[in-house]
Amino acid sequence: MKKRKFKIYLTPAENSIVIQSLNHLRNTMLRENQDTGCLDELLLKAMCSPVKKM
């Protein structure tokens, strides 16, 4: 089964909120000694993604 891909367009403010939220979740998971592998990849994608100015 082929996975569907989605593209979302965020303003710089929205992108900042996403990054901050993911980082907060990552810190919480680290405190609880949980694996953060998937979250690390998602955080890197959010940080490296181009931001369109609308």
N, C-alpha and C. Protein backbone atom coordinates (compact mmCIF):
# COMPACT_ATOMS: atom_id res chain seq x y z
N MET A 1 0.84 -1.18 0.00
CA MET A 1 0.00 0.00 0.00
C MET A 1 0.89 1.24 0.00
N LYS A 2 0.60 2.16 -0.89
CA LYS A 2 1.40 3.37 -1.02
C LYS A 2 0.95 4.41 0.00
N LYS A 3 1.94 5.03 0.66
CA LYS A 3 1.62 6.06 1.64
C LYS A 3 1.37 7.38 0.94
N ARG A 4 0.36 8.10 1.41
CA ARG A 4 0.07 9.42 0.85
C ARG A 4 0.95 10.46 1.53
N LYS A 5 1.40 11.44 0.76
CA LYS A 5 2.20 12.53 1.30
C LYS A 5 1.36 13.79 1.30
N PHE A 6 1.56 14.59 2.31
CA PHE A 6 0.84 15.84 2.43
C PHE A 6 1.84 16.99 2.52
N LYS A 7 1.49 18.11 1.95
CA LYS A 7 2.30 19.31 2.07
C LYS A 7 1.48 20.34 2.83
N ILE A 8 2.10 20.95 3.81
CA ILE A 8 1.43 22.01 4.54
C ILE A 8 2.27 23.27 4.39
N TYR A 9 1.61 24.39 4.34
CA TYR A 9 2.28 25.67 4.21
C TYR A 9 2.05 26.47 5.48
N LEU A 10 3.14 26.87 6.12
CA LEU A 10 3.06 27.58 7.39
C LEU A 10 3.68 28.96 7.26
N THR A 11 3.13 29.89 8.00
CA THR A 11 3.75 31.20 8.10
C THR A 11 4.94 31.07 9.04
N PRO A 12 5.85 32.03 9.05
CA PRO A 12 6.98 31.95 9.97
C PRO A 12 6.55 31.81 11.44
N ALA A 13 5.49 32.47 11.83
CA ALA A 13 5.01 32.38 13.21
C ALA A 13 4.50 30.98 13.51
N GLU A 14 3.75 30.40 12.59
CA GLU A 14 3.22 29.05 12.78
C GLU A 14 4.36 28.03 12.81
N ASN A 15 5.36 28.21 11.95
CA ASN A 15 6.51 27.32 11.93
C ASN A 15 7.25 27.37 13.27
N SER A 16 7.38 28.54 13.83
CA SER A 16 8.04 28.69 15.12
C SER A 16 7.27 27.96 16.22
N ILE A 17 5.96 28.05 16.19
CA ILE A 17 5.13 27.38 17.18
C ILE A 17 5.27 25.86 17.07
N VAL A 18 5.31 25.34 15.85
CA VAL A 18 5.47 23.90 15.63
C VAL A 18 6.81 23.43 16.19
N ILE A 19 7.87 24.17 15.90
CA ILE A 19 9.20 23.79 16.37
C ILE A 19 9.26 23.83 17.90
N GLN A 20 8.72 24.87 18.51
CA GLN A 20 8.73 24.98 19.96
C GLN A 20 7.93 23.86 20.61
N SER A 21 6.79 23.51 20.02
CA SER A 21 5.96 22.44 20.57
C SER A 21 6.65 21.09 20.48
N LEU A 22 7.27 20.82 19.33
CA LEU A 22 8.00 19.55 19.17
C LEU A 22 9.17 19.47 20.14
N ASN A 23 9.86 20.58 20.32
CA ASN A 23 11.00 20.59 21.25
C ASN A 23 10.53 20.37 22.69
N HIS A 24 9.40 20.97 23.06
CA HIS A 24 8.85 20.77 24.41
C HIS A 24 8.48 19.29 24.62
N LEU A 25 7.84 18.69 23.61
CA LEU A 25 7.48 17.27 23.70
C LEU A 25 8.73 16.40 23.80
N ARG A 26 9.77 16.74 23.03
CA ARG A 26 11.03 15.98 23.07
C ARG A 26 11.66 16.06 24.46
N ASN A 27 11.68 17.25 25.06
CA ASN A 27 12.25 17.41 26.40
C ASN A 27 11.47 16.60 27.43
N THR A 28 10.16 16.57 27.30
CA THR A 28 9.33 15.79 28.20
C THR A 28 9.64 14.30 28.07
N MET A 29 9.77 13.84 26.83
CA MET A 29 10.08 12.43 26.60
C MET A 29 11.46 12.07 27.12
N LEU A 30 12.42 12.96 26.99
CA LEU A 30 13.76 12.70 27.52
C LEU A 30 13.75 12.59 29.04
N ARG A 31 12.96 13.45 29.70
CA ARG A 31 12.85 13.37 31.17
C ARG A 31 12.26 12.05 31.62
N GLU A 32 11.36 11.49 30.80
CA GLU A 32 10.72 10.22 31.13
C GLU A 32 11.48 9.02 30.57
N ASN A 33 12.68 9.24 30.05
CA ASN A 33 13.54 8.19 29.49
C ASN A 33 12.86 7.41 28.38
N GLN A 34 12.13 8.10 27.51
CA GLN A 34 11.49 7.46 26.36
C GLN A 34 12.32 7.72 25.11
N ASP A 35 12.15 6.87 24.11
CA ASP A 35 12.88 7.01 22.85
C ASP A 35 12.34 8.22 22.07
N THR A 36 13.24 9.04 21.55
CA THR A 36 12.84 10.25 20.82
C THR A 36 13.27 10.20 19.35
N GLY A 37 13.59 9.02 18.83
CA GLY A 37 14.10 8.89 17.47
C GLY A 37 13.19 9.47 16.41
N CYS A 38 11.93 9.08 16.41
CA CYS A 38 10.99 9.58 15.40
C CYS A 38 10.75 11.07 15.58
N LEU A 39 10.69 11.51 16.80
CA LEU A 39 10.45 12.92 17.08
C LEU A 39 11.65 13.77 16.64
N ASP A 40 12.86 13.24 16.80
CA ASP A 40 14.05 13.95 16.35
C ASP A 40 14.02 14.18 14.84
N GLU A 41 13.62 13.15 14.09
CA GLU A 41 13.53 13.27 12.64
C GLU A 41 12.50 14.31 12.24
N LEU A 42 11.35 14.30 12.90
CA LEU A 42 10.30 15.25 12.59
C LEU A 42 10.73 16.67 12.94
N LEU A 43 11.42 16.83 14.04
CA LEU A 43 11.91 18.15 14.45
C LEU A 43 12.92 18.68 13.44
N LEU A 44 13.82 17.83 12.95
CA LEU A 44 14.78 18.25 11.94
C LEU A 44 14.09 18.66 10.64
N LYS A 45 13.07 17.93 10.25
CA LYS A 45 12.32 18.28 9.04
C LYS A 45 11.63 19.62 9.20
N ALA A 46 11.08 19.88 10.37
CA ALA A 46 10.40 21.15 10.61
C ALA A 46 11.39 22.31 10.63
N MET A 47 12.58 22.06 11.18
CA MET A 47 13.58 23.12 11.27
C MET A 47 14.20 23.43 9.90
N CYS A 48 14.31 22.45 9.03
CA CYS A 48 14.97 22.63 7.74
C CYS A 48 14.00 22.95 6.61
N SER A 49 12.72 22.97 6.89
CA SER A 49 11.73 23.19 5.84
C SER A 49 11.70 24.66 5.44
N PRO A 50 11.49 24.92 4.14
CA PRO A 50 11.39 26.33 3.71
C PRO A 50 10.07 26.93 4.20
N VAL A 51 10.11 28.19 4.53
CA VAL A 51 8.92 28.89 5.02
C VAL A 51 8.47 29.85 3.94
N LYS A 52 7.22 29.74 3.53
CA LYS A 52 6.67 30.65 2.53
C LYS A 52 6.08 31.86 3.23
N LYS A 53 6.44 33.03 2.73
CA LYS A 53 5.85 34.24 3.28
C LYS A 53 4.57 34.54 2.52
N MET A 54 3.49 34.72 3.26
CA MET A 54 2.19 34.93 2.62
C MET A 54 1.78 36.38 2.77
